[in-house]
Amino acid sequence: MDRISKLASQKAVVIFSKSSCCMCHAIKRLFYEQGVSPSIYEIDEESRGIEMERALVKLGCNPAFPTVFIGGKFVGSANTVMTLHVNGSLKKMLKDAGAIWL
């Protein structure tokens, strides 16, 4: 869990993903289209990936991927991020975190 917290606080937007996950791809694409350059950790390519996945599940993310942090704070998975995007809250969160300026 400490590793997740440390990684999540190193950049304005951090995404924990799996390279074969279609929803992960969609969420990464959403952030790129917003002008965000997130840190992305592909758990299936990490040496401690299984341990990190367990920590994400304990955090409350089910399914575990994608898991998004904005401004070092746990936001949630694809459903939460898409809801925030549709209702307009995501852009404000990104501005407040310094991920975008406009």
PDB file of N, CA and C in Angstrom:
ATOM      1  N   MET A   1       0.826  -1.199   0.000  1.00  0.00           N
ATOM      2  CA  MET A   1       0.000   0.000   0.000  1.00  0.00           C
ATOM      3  C   MET A   1       0.864   1.254   0.000  1.00  0.00           C
ATOM      4  N   ASP A   2       1.999   1.199   0.715  1.00  0.00           N
ATOM      5  CA  ASP A   2       2.888   2.355   0.751  1.00  0.00           C
ATOM      6  C   ASP A   2       3.440   2.656  -0.632  1.00  0.00           C
ATOM      7  N   ARG A   3       3.753   1.610  -1.380  1.00  0.00           N
ATOM      8  CA  ARG A   3       4.273   1.801  -2.735  1.00  0.00           C
ATOM      9  C   ARG A   3       3.225   2.478  -3.619  1.00  0.00           C
ATOM     10  N   ILE A   4       1.981   2.063  -3.504  1.00  0.00           N
ATOM     11  CA  ILE A   4       0.892   2.663  -4.278  1.00  0.00           C
ATOM     12  C   ILE A   4       0.764   4.136  -3.923  1.00  0.00           C
ATOM     13  N   SER A   5       0.751   4.451  -2.637  1.00  0.00           N
ATOM     14  CA  SER A   5       0.619   5.842  -2.193  1.00  0.00           C
ATOM     15  C   SER A   5       1.765   6.699  -2.693  1.00  0.00           C
ATOM     16  N   LYS A   6       2.964   6.154  -2.634  1.00  0.00           N
ATOM     17  CA  LYS A   6       4.141   6.896  -3.092  1.00  0.00           C
ATOM     18  C   LYS A   6       4.055   7.173  -4.589  1.00  0.00           C
ATOM     19  N   LEU A   7       3.737   6.156  -5.373  1.00  0.00           N
ATOM     20  CA  LEU A   7       3.627   6.329  -6.818  1.00  0.00           C
ATOM     21  C   LEU A   7       2.485   7.279  -7.181  1.00  0.00           C
ATOM     22  N   ALA A   8       1.375   7.160  -6.465  1.00  0.00           N
ATOM     23  CA  ALA A   8       0.194   7.974  -6.759  1.00  0.00           C
ATOM     24  C   ALA A   8       0.413   9.457  -6.498  1.00  0.00           C
ATOM     25  N   SER A   9       1.348   9.785  -5.661  1.00  0.00           N
ATOM     26  CA  SER A   9       1.581  11.193  -5.319  1.00  0.00           C
ATOM     27  C   SER A   9       2.702  11.829  -6.132  1.00  0.00           C
ATOM     28  N   GLN A  10       3.312  11.097  -7.048  1.00  0.00           N
ATOM     29  CA  GLN A  10       4.453  11.624  -7.790  1.00  0.00           C
ATOM     30  C   GLN A  10       4.082  12.479  -8.999  1.00  0.00           C
ATOM     31  N   LYS A  11       2.839  12.423  -9.439  1.00  0.00           N
ATOM     32  CA  LYS A  11       2.404  13.206 -10.590  1.00  0.00           C
ATOM     33  C   LYS A  11       0.940  13.571 -10.401  1.00  0.00           C
ATOM     34  N   ALA A  12       0.477  14.587 -11.114  1.00  0.00           N
ATOM     35  CA  ALA A  12      -0.905  15.059 -10.956  1.00  0.00           C
ATOM     36  C   ALA A  12      -1.935  13.975 -11.255  1.00  0.00           C
ATOM     37  N   VAL A  13      -1.677  13.157 -12.265  1.00  0.00           N
ATOM     38  CA  VAL A  13      -2.594  12.056 -12.593  1.00  0.00           C
ATOM     39  C   VAL A  13      -1.778  10.775 -12.723  1.00  0.00           C
ATOM     40  N   VAL A  14      -2.226   9.750 -12.009  1.00  0.00           N
ATOM     41  CA  VAL A  14      -1.560   8.448 -12.044  1.00  0.00           C
ATOM     42  C   VAL A  14      -2.623   7.392 -12.322  1.00  0.00           C
ATOM     43  N   ILE A  15      -2.312   6.527 -13.275  1.00  0.00           N
ATOM     44  CA  ILE A  15      -3.230   5.445 -13.644  1.00  0.00           C
ATOM     45  C   ILE A  15      -2.512   4.110 -13.471  1.00  0.00           C
ATOM     46  N   PHE A  16      -3.136   3.218 -12.723  1.00  0.00           N
ATOM     47  CA  PHE A  16      -2.656   1.846 -12.608  1.00  0.00           C
ATOM     48  C   PHE A  16      -3.505   1.034 -13.574  1.00  0.00           C
ATOM     49  N   SER A  17      -2.845   0.304 -14.447  1.00  0.00           N
ATOM     50  CA  SER A  17      -3.501  -0.303 -15.588  1.00  0.00           C
ATOM     51  C   SER A  17      -2.972  -1.706 -15.838  1.00  0.00           C
ATOM     52  N   LYS A  18      -3.629  -2.405 -16.740  1.00  0.00           N
ATOM     53  CA  LYS A  18      -3.109  -3.654 -17.296  1.00  0.00           C
ATOM     54  C   LYS A  18      -3.059  -3.465 -18.800  1.00  0.00           C
ATOM     55  N   SER A  19      -1.969  -3.870 -19.408  1.00  0.00           N
ATOM     56  CA  SER A  19      -1.768  -3.611 -20.831  1.00  0.00           C
ATOM     57  C   SER A  19      -2.817  -4.273 -21.720  1.00  0.00           C
ATOM     58  N   SER A  20      -3.453  -5.337 -21.268  1.00  0.00           N
ATOM     59  CA  SER A  20      -4.447  -6.044 -22.078  1.00  0.00           C
ATOM     60  C   SER A  20      -5.889  -5.627 -21.789  1.00  0.00           C
ATOM     61  N   CYS A  21      -6.084  -4.643 -20.940  1.00  0.00           N
ATOM     62  CA  CYS A  21      -7.426  -4.242 -20.491  1.00  0.00           C
ATOM     63  C   CYS A  21      -8.006  -3.149 -21.396  1.00  0.00           C
ATOM     64  N   CYS A  22      -9.151  -3.436 -22.025  1.00  0.00           N
ATOM     65  CA  CYS A  22      -9.755  -2.463 -22.940  1.00  0.00           C
ATOM     66  C   CYS A  22     -10.270  -1.221 -22.206  1.00  0.00           C
ATOM     67  N   MET A  23     -10.810  -1.378 -21.001  1.00  0.00           N
ATOM     68  CA  MET A  23     -11.281  -0.203 -20.242  1.00  0.00           C
ATOM     69  C   MET A  23     -10.102   0.670 -19.811  1.00  0.00           C
ATOM     70  N   CYS A  24      -8.982   0.037 -19.509  1.00  0.00           N
ATOM     71  CA  CYS A  24      -7.775   0.800 -19.172  1.00  0.00           C
ATOM     72  C   CYS A  24      -7.363   1.654 -20.354  1.00  0.00           C
ATOM     73  N   HIS A  25      -7.409   1.064 -21.533  1.00  0.00           N
ATOM     74  CA  HIS A  25      -7.057   1.801 -22.750  1.00  0.00           C
ATOM     75  C   HIS A  25      -8.005   2.994 -22.942  1.00  0.00           C
ATOM     76  N   ALA A  26      -9.295   2.778 -22.734  1.00  0.00           N
ATOM     77  CA  ALA A  26     -10.285   3.846 -22.900  1.00  0.00           C
ATOM     78  C   ALA A  26     -10.045   4.985 -21.917  1.00  0.00           C
ATOM     79  N   ILE A  27      -9.714   4.671 -20.679  1.00  0.00           N
ATOM     80  CA  ILE A  27      -9.477   5.709 -19.673  1.00  0.00           C
ATOM     81  C   ILE A  27      -8.192   6.475 -19.978  1.00  0.00           C
ATOM     82  N   LYS A  28      -7.144   5.761 -20.374  1.00  0.00           N
ATOM     83  CA  LYS A  28      -5.899   6.448 -20.752  1.00  0.00           C
ATOM     84  C   LYS A  28      -6.171   7.402 -21.917  1.00  0.00           C
ATOM     85  N   ARG A  29      -6.934   6.959 -22.874  1.00  0.00           N
ATOM     86  CA  ARG A  29      -7.288   7.769 -24.043  1.00  0.00           C
ATOM     87  C   ARG A  29      -8.063   9.014 -23.626  1.00  0.00           C
ATOM     88  N   LEU A  30      -9.002   8.843 -22.701  1.00  0.00           N
ATOM     89  CA  LEU A  30      -9.780   9.987 -22.199  1.00  0.00           C
ATOM     90  C   LEU A  30      -8.858  11.055 -21.625  1.00  0.00           C
ATOM     91  N   PHE A  31      -7.897  10.646 -20.808  1.00  0.00           N
ATOM     92  CA  PHE A  31      -6.989  11.617 -20.213  1.00  0.00           C
ATOM     93  C   PHE A  31      -6.101  12.277 -21.263  1.00  0.00           C
ATOM     94  N   TYR A  32      -5.604  11.508 -22.221  1.00  0.00           N
ATOM     95  CA  TYR A  32      -4.794  12.092 -23.294  1.00  0.00           C
ATOM     96  C   TYR A  32      -5.604  13.123 -24.069  1.00  0.00           C
ATOM     97  N   GLU A  33      -6.870  12.827 -24.336  1.00  0.00           N
ATOM     98  CA  GLU A  33      -7.730  13.752 -25.080  1.00  0.00           C
ATOM     99  C   GLU A  33      -8.037  15.021 -24.290  1.00  0.00           C
ATOM    100  N   GLN A  34      -7.909  14.967 -22.968  1.00  0.00           N
ATOM    101  CA  GLN A  34      -8.099  16.147 -22.121  1.00  0.00           C
ATOM    102  C   GLN A  34      -6.821  16.993 -22.042  1.00  0.00           C
ATOM    103  N   GLY A  35      -5.757  16.491 -22.647  1.00  0.00           N
ATOM    104  CA  GLY A  35      -4.482  17.206 -22.614  1.00  0.00           C
ATOM    105  C   GLY A  35      -3.625  16.841 -21.418  1.00  0.00           C
ATOM    106  N   VAL A  36      -3.955  15.744 -20.771  1.00  0.00           N
ATOM    107  CA  VAL A  36      -3.231  15.288 -19.578  1.00  0.00           C
ATOM    108  C   VAL A  36      -2.158  14.288 -19.988  1.00  0.00           C
ATOM    109  N   SER A  37      -1.029  14.368 -19.324  1.00  0.00           N
ATOM    110  CA  SER A  37       0.047  13.394 -19.529  1.00  0.00           C
ATOM    111  C   SER A  37       0.235  12.616 -18.226  1.00  0.00           C
ATOM    112  N   PRO A  38      -0.563  11.571 -18.024  1.00  0.00           N
ATOM    113  CA  PRO A  38      -0.516  10.844 -16.756  1.00  0.00           C
ATOM    114  C   PRO A  38       0.690   9.917 -16.653  1.00  0.00           C
ATOM    115  N   SER A  39       1.050   9.593 -15.430  1.00  0.00           N
ATOM    116  CA  SER A  39       1.981   8.489 -15.190  1.00  0.00           C
ATOM    117  C   SER A  39       1.142   7.226 -15.262  1.00  0.00           C
ATOM    118  N   ILE A  40       1.618   6.255 -16.002  1.00  0.00           N
ATOM    119  CA  ILE A  40       0.870   5.013 -16.165  1.00  0.00           C
ATOM    120  C   ILE A  40       1.746   3.855 -15.724  1.00  0.00           C
ATOM    121  N   TYR A  41       1.200   3.053 -14.834  1.00  0.00           N
ATOM    122  CA  TYR A  41       1.894   1.862 -14.357  1.00  0.00           C
ATOM    123  C   TYR A  41       1.125   0.648 -14.835  1.00  0.00           C
ATOM    124  N   GLU A  42       1.728  -0.085 -15.756  1.00  0.00           N
ATOM    125  CA  GLU A  42       1.129  -1.317 -16.271  1.00  0.00           C
ATOM    126  C   GLU A  42       1.492  -2.428 -15.283  1.00  0.00           C
ATOM    127  N   ILE A  43       0.536  -2.813 -14.472  1.00  0.00           N
ATOM    128  CA  ILE A  43       0.775  -3.746 -13.379  1.00  0.00           C
ATOM    129  C   ILE A  43       1.291  -5.097 -13.878  1.00  0.00           C
ATOM    130  N   ASP A  44       0.821  -5.536 -15.034  1.00  0.00           N
ATOM    131  CA  ASP A  44       1.279  -6.817 -15.566  1.00  0.00           C
ATOM    132  C   ASP A  44       2.730  -6.771 -16.052  1.00  0.00           C
ATOM    133  N   GLU A  45       3.324  -5.589 -16.066  1.00  0.00           N
ATOM    134  CA  GLU A  45       4.724  -5.441 -16.456  1.00  0.00           C
ATOM    135  C   GLU A  45       5.621  -5.063 -15.274  1.00  0.00           C
ATOM    136  N   GLU A  46       5.032  -4.931 -14.092  1.00  0.00           N
ATOM    137  CA  GLU A  46       5.769  -4.572 -12.880  1.00  0.00           C
ATOM    138  C   GLU A  46       6.239  -5.840 -12.159  1.00  0.00           C
ATOM    139  N   SER A  47       7.439  -5.800 -11.606  1.00  0.00           N
ATOM    140  CA  SER A  47       7.959  -6.976 -10.894  1.00  0.00           C
ATOM    141  C   SER A  47       7.128  -7.312  -9.649  1.00  0.00           C
ATOM    142  N   ARG A  48       6.530  -6.299  -9.030  1.00  0.00           N
ATOM    143  CA  ARG A  48       5.699  -6.519  -7.835  1.00  0.00           C
ATOM    144  C   ARG A  48       4.222  -6.287  -8.150  1.00  0.00           C
ATOM    145  N   GLY A  49       3.844  -6.622  -9.379  1.00  0.00           N
ATOM    146  CA  GLY A  49       2.499  -6.345  -9.857  1.00  0.00           C
ATOM    147  C   GLY A  49       1.386  -6.997  -9.063  1.00  0.00           C
ATOM    148  N   ILE A  50       1.542  -8.254  -8.689  1.00  0.00           N
ATOM    149  CA  ILE A  50       0.482  -8.950  -7.946  1.00  0.00           C
ATOM    150  C   ILE A  50       0.276  -8.299  -6.581  1.00  0.00           C
ATOM    151  N   GLU A  51       1.359  -7.942  -5.943  1.00  0.00           N
ATOM    152  CA  GLU A  51       1.282  -7.255  -4.648  1.00  0.00           C
ATOM    153  C   GLU A  51       0.582  -5.900  -4.807  1.00  0.00           C
ATOM    154  N   MET A  52       0.901  -5.186  -5.866  1.00  0.00           N
ATOM    155  CA  MET A  52       0.274  -3.892  -6.118  1.00  0.00           C
ATOM    156  C   MET A  52      -1.218  -4.057  -6.425  1.00  0.00           C
ATOM    157  N   GLU A  53      -1.569  -5.085  -7.169  1.00  0.00           N
ATOM    158  CA  GLU A  53      -2.979  -5.339  -7.477  1.00  0.00           C
ATOM    159  C   GLU A  53      -3.772  -5.614  -6.200  1.00  0.00           C
ATOM    160  N   ARG A  54      -3.222  -6.409  -5.304  1.00  0.00           N
ATOM    161  CA  ARG A  54      -3.895  -6.679  -4.019  1.00  0.00           C
ATOM    162  C   ARG A  54      -4.121  -5.395  -3.230  1.00  0.00           C
ATOM    163  N   ALA A  55      -3.120  -4.521  -3.237  1.00  0.00           N
ATOM    164  CA  ALA A  55      -3.247  -3.245  -2.515  1.00  0.00           C
ATOM    165  C   ALA A  55      -4.344  -2.382  -3.127  1.00  0.00           C
ATOM    166  N   LEU A  56      -4.468  -2.380  -4.437  1.00  0.00           N
ATOM    167  CA  LEU A  56      -5.521  -1.604  -5.100  1.00  0.00           C
ATOM    168  C   LEU A  56      -6.902  -2.145  -4.768  1.00  0.00           C
ATOM    169  N   VAL A  57      -7.033  -3.461  -4.707  1.00  0.00           N
ATOM    170  CA  VAL A  57      -8.315  -4.072  -4.345  1.00  0.00           C
ATOM    171  C   VAL A  57      -8.674  -3.699  -2.908  1.00  0.00           C
ATOM    172  N   LYS A  58      -7.695  -3.724  -2.007  1.00  0.00           N
ATOM    173  CA  LYS A  58      -7.936  -3.336  -0.609  1.00  0.00           C
ATOM    174  C   LYS A  58      -8.379  -1.887  -0.506  1.00  0.00           C
ATOM    175  N   LEU A  59      -7.911  -1.077  -1.442  1.00  0.00           N
ATOM    176  CA  LEU A  59      -8.274   0.340  -1.463  1.00  0.00           C
ATOM    177  C   LEU A  59      -9.742   0.532  -1.827  1.00  0.00           C
ATOM    178  N   GLY A  60     -10.328  -0.497  -2.426  1.00  0.00           N
ATOM    179  CA  GLY A  60     -11.745  -0.446  -2.761  1.00  0.00           C
ATOM    180  C   GLY A  60     -12.030  -0.406  -4.243  1.00  0.00           C
ATOM    181  N   CYS A  61     -11.041  -0.600  -5.047  1.00  0.00           N
ATOM    182  CA  CYS A  61     -11.234  -0.573  -6.487  1.00  0.00           C
ATOM    183  C   CYS A  61     -11.581  -1.969  -6.976  1.00  0.00           C
ATOM    184  N   ASN A  62     -12.812  -2.139  -7.431  1.00  0.00           N
ATOM    185  CA  ASN A  62     -13.254  -3.429  -7.922  1.00  0.00           C
ATOM    186  C   ASN A  62     -14.120  -3.199  -9.152  1.00  0.00           C
ATOM    187  N   PRO A  63     -13.687  -3.528 -10.341  1.00  0.00           N
ATOM    188  CA  PRO A  63     -12.451  -4.233 -10.642  1.00  0.00           C
ATOM    189  C   PRO A  63     -11.229  -3.370 -10.348  1.00  0.00           C
ATOM    190  N   ALA A  64     -10.107  -4.027 -10.207  1.00  0.00           N
ATOM    191  CA  ALA A  64      -8.886  -3.334  -9.803  1.00  0.00           C
ATOM    192  C   ALA A  64      -8.327  -2.410 -10.874  1.00  0.00           C
ATOM    193  N   PHE A  65      -8.716  -2.618 -12.132  1.00  0.00           N
ATOM    194  CA  PHE A  65      -8.135  -1.812 -13.204  1.00  0.00           C
ATOM    195  C   PHE A  65      -9.202  -1.273 -14.129  1.00  0.00           C
ATOM    196  N   PRO A  66      -9.029  -0.071 -14.595  1.00  0.00           N
ATOM    197  CA  PRO A  66      -7.995   0.888 -14.247  1.00  0.00           C
ATOM    198  C   PRO A  66      -8.278   1.529 -12.891  1.00  0.00           C
ATOM    199  N   THR A  67      -7.238   1.942 -12.217  1.00  0.00           N
ATOM    200  CA  THR A  67      -7.372   2.694 -10.972  1.00  0.00           C
ATOM    201  C   THR A  67      -6.730   4.054 -11.199  1.00  0.00           C
ATOM    202  N   VAL A  68      -7.467   5.115 -10.880  1.00  0.00           N
ATOM    203  CA  VAL A  68      -7.011   6.470 -11.162  1.00  0.00           C
ATOM    204  C   VAL A  68      -6.844   7.263  -9.870  1.00  0.00           C
ATOM    205  N   PHE A  69      -5.735   7.993  -9.810  1.00  0.00           N
ATOM    206  CA  PHE A  69      -5.468   8.939  -8.736  1.00  0.00           C
ATOM    207  C   PHE A  69      -5.287  10.312  -9.374  1.00  0.00           C
ATOM    208  N   ILE A  70      -5.897  11.319  -8.791  1.00  0.00           N
ATOM    209  CA  ILE A  70      -5.727  12.688  -9.257  1.00  0.00           C
ATOM    210  C   ILE A  70      -5.309  13.525  -8.059  1.00  0.00           C
ATOM    211  N   GLY A  71      -4.192  14.235  -8.217  1.00  0.00           N
ATOM    212  CA  GLY A  71      -3.684  15.040  -7.105  1.00  0.00           C
ATOM    213  C   GLY A  71      -3.314  14.196  -5.911  1.00  0.00           C
ATOM    214  N   GLY A  72      -2.881  12.960  -6.151  1.00  0.00           N
ATOM    215  CA  GLY A  72      -2.492  12.060  -5.067  1.00  0.00           C
ATOM    216  C   GLY A  72      -3.653  11.409  -4.347  1.00  0.00           C
ATOM    217  N   LYS A  73      -4.882  11.711  -4.775  1.00  0.00           N
ATOM    218  CA  LYS A  73      -6.071  11.161  -4.116  1.00  0.00           C
ATOM    219  C   LYS A  73      -6.726  10.096  -4.991  1.00  0.00           C
ATOM    220  N   PHE A  74      -7.145   9.031  -4.345  1.00  0.00           N
ATOM    221  CA  PHE A  74      -7.834   7.941  -5.020  1.00  0.00           C
ATOM    222  C   PHE A  74      -9.157   8.438  -5.584  1.00  0.00           C
ATOM    223  N   VAL A  75      -9.357   8.274  -6.886  1.00  0.00           N
ATOM    224  CA  VAL A  75     -10.597   8.679  -7.534  1.00  0.00           C
ATOM    225  C   VAL A  75     -11.492   7.475  -7.763  1.00  0.00           C
ATOM    226  N   GLY A  76     -10.925   6.398  -8.295  1.00  0.00           N
ATOM    227  CA  GLY A  76     -11.712   5.195  -8.537  1.00  0.00           C
ATOM    228  C   GLY A  76     -11.352   4.560  -9.852  1.00  0.00           C
ATOM    229  N   SER A  77     -12.292   3.776 -10.356  1.00  0.00           N
ATOM    230  CA  SER A  77     -12.047   3.045 -11.602  1.00  0.00           C
ATOM    231  C   SER A  77     -12.797   3.710 -12.752  1.00  0.00           C
ATOM    232  N   ALA A  78     -12.961   2.979 -13.833  1.00  0.00           N
ATOM    233  CA  ALA A  78     -13.535   3.533 -15.058  1.00  0.00           C
ATOM    234  C   ALA A  78     -14.923   4.143 -14.845  1.00  0.00           C
ATOM    235  N   ASN A  79     -15.790   3.462 -14.112  1.00  0.00           N
ATOM    236  CA  ASN A  79     -17.145   3.991 -13.896  1.00  0.00           C
ATOM    237  C   ASN A  79     -17.123   5.357 -13.232  1.00  0.00           C
ATOM    238  N   THR A  80     -16.320   5.499 -12.208  1.00  0.00           N
ATOM    239  CA  THR A  80     -16.234   6.770 -11.486  1.00  0.00           C
ATOM    240  C   THR A  80     -15.659   7.862 -12.376  1.00  0.00           C
ATOM    241  N   VAL A  81     -14.592   7.543 -13.081  1.00  0.00           N
ATOM    242  CA  VAL A  81     -13.954   8.538 -13.951  1.00  0.00           C
ATOM    243  C   VAL A  81     -14.907   8.981 -15.052  1.00  0.00           C
ATOM    244  N   MET A  82     -15.619   8.045 -15.660  1.00  0.00           N
ATOM    245  CA  MET A  82     -16.561   8.406 -16.721  1.00  0.00           C
ATOM    246  C   MET A  82     -17.722   9.243 -16.176  1.00  0.00           C
ATOM    247  N   THR A  83     -18.197   8.924 -14.991  1.00  0.00           N
ATOM    248  CA  THR A  83     -19.256   9.720 -14.369  1.00  0.00           C
ATOM    249  C   THR A  83     -18.775  11.154 -14.135  1.00  0.00           C
ATOM    250  N   LEU A  84     -17.557  11.296 -13.609  1.00  0.00           N
ATOM    251  CA  LEU A  84     -16.994  12.628 -13.384  1.00  0.00           C
ATOM    252  C   LEU A  84     -16.827  13.392 -14.692  1.00  0.00           C
ATOM    253  N   HIS A  85     -16.436  12.699 -15.732  1.00  0.00           N
ATOM    254  CA  HIS A  85     -16.268  13.334 -17.039  1.00  0.00           C
ATOM    255  C   HIS A  85     -17.615  13.826 -17.583  1.00  0.00           C
ATOM    256  N   VAL A  86     -18.627  12.980 -17.516  1.00  0.00           N
ATOM    257  CA  VAL A  86     -19.940  13.323 -18.054  1.00  0.00           C
ATOM    258  C   VAL A  86     -20.570  14.485 -17.292  1.00  0.00           C
ATOM    259  N   ASN A  87     -20.410  14.502 -15.961  1.00  0.00           N
ATOM    260  CA  ASN A  87     -21.051  15.587 -15.200  1.00  0.00           C
ATOM    261  C   ASN A  87     -20.185  16.840 -15.095  1.00  0.00           C
ATOM    262  N   GLY A  88     -18.997  16.833 -15.723  1.00  0.00           N
ATOM    263  CA  GLY A  88     -18.156  18.026 -15.780  1.00  0.00           C
ATOM    264  C   GLY A  88     -17.196  18.203 -14.622  1.00  0.00           C
ATOM    265  N   SER A  89     -17.214  17.321 -13.665  1.00  0.00           N
ATOM    266  CA  SER A  89     -16.349  17.456 -12.481  1.00  0.00           C
ATOM    267  C   SER A  89     -14.890  17.097 -12.754  1.00  0.00           C
ATOM    268  N   LEU A  90     -14.665  16.241 -13.727  1.00  0.00           N
ATOM    269  CA  LEU A  90     -13.305  15.767 -13.986  1.00  0.00           C
ATOM    270  C   LEU A  90     -12.381  16.908 -14.373  1.00  0.00           C
ATOM    271  N   LYS A  91     -12.835  17.783 -15.244  1.00  0.00           N
ATOM    272  CA  LYS A  91     -12.000  18.896 -15.711  1.00  0.00           C
ATOM    273  C   LYS A  91     -11.571  19.781 -14.537  1.00  0.00           C
ATOM    274  N   LYS A  92     -12.486  20.067 -13.614  1.00  0.00           N
ATOM    275  CA  LYS A  92     -12.145  20.877 -12.447  1.00  0.00           C
ATOM    276  C   LYS A  92     -11.109  20.176 -11.574  1.00  0.00           C
ATOM    277  N   MET A  93     -11.291  18.864 -11.377  1.00  0.00           N
ATOM    278  CA  MET A  93     -10.324  18.101 -10.582  1.00  0.00           C
ATOM    279  C   MET A  93      -8.942  18.152 -11.232  1.00  0.00           C
ATOM    280  N   LEU A  94      -8.910  18.046 -12.546  1.00  0.00           N
ATOM    281  CA  LEU A  94      -7.632  18.087 -13.259  1.00  0.00           C
ATOM    282  C   LEU A  94      -6.971  19.462 -13.149  1.00  0.00           C
ATOM    283  N   LYS A  95      -7.771  20.516 -13.220  1.00  0.00           N
ATOM    284  CA  LYS A  95      -7.248  21.878 -13.056  1.00  0.00           C
ATOM    285  C   LYS A  95      -6.714  22.075 -11.645  1.00  0.00           C
ATOM    286  N   ASP A  96      -7.497  21.654 -10.658  1.00  0.00           N
ATOM    287  CA  ASP A  96      -7.090  21.817  -9.257  1.00  0.00           C
ATOM    288  C   ASP A  96      -5.794  21.053  -8.945  1.00  0.00           C
ATOM    289  N   ALA A  97      -5.578  19.930  -9.621  1.00  0.00           N
ATOM    290  CA  ALA A  97      -4.385  19.119  -9.400  1.00  0.00           C
ATOM    291  C   ALA A  97      -3.181  19.625 -10.204  1.00  0.00           C
ATOM    292  N   GLY A  98      -3.432  20.570 -11.112  1.00  0.00           N
ATOM    293  CA  GLY A  98      -2.351  21.089 -11.941  1.00  0.00           C
ATOM    294  C   GLY A  98      -2.039  20.216 -13.142  1.00  0.00           C
ATOM    295  N   ALA A  99      -2.966  19.331 -13.497  1.00  0.00           N
ATOM    296  CA  ALA A  99      -2.758  18.448 -14.645  1.00  0.00           C
ATOM    297  C   ALA A  99      -3.041  19.172 -15.960  1.00  0.00           C
ATOM    298  N   ILE A 100      -3.956  20.153 -15.920  1.00  0.00           N
ATOM    299  CA  ILE A 100      -4.253  20.993 -17.081  1.00  0.00           C
ATOM    300  C   ILE A 100      -4.360  22.428 -16.604  1.00  0.00           C
ATOM    301  N   TRP A 101      -4.233  23.361 -17.522  1.00  0.00           N
ATOM    302  CA  TRP A 101      -4.265  24.771 -17.147  1.00  0.00           C
ATOM    303  C   TRP A 101      -5.472  25.507 -17.671  1.00  0.00           C
ATOM    304  N   LEU A 102      -6.068  25.058 -18.745  1.00  0.00           N
ATOM    305  CA  LEU A 102      -7.175  25.779 -19.366  1.00  0.00           C
ATOM    306  C   LEU A 102      -8.517  25.304 -18.892  1.00  0.00           C
TER     307      LEU A 102
END
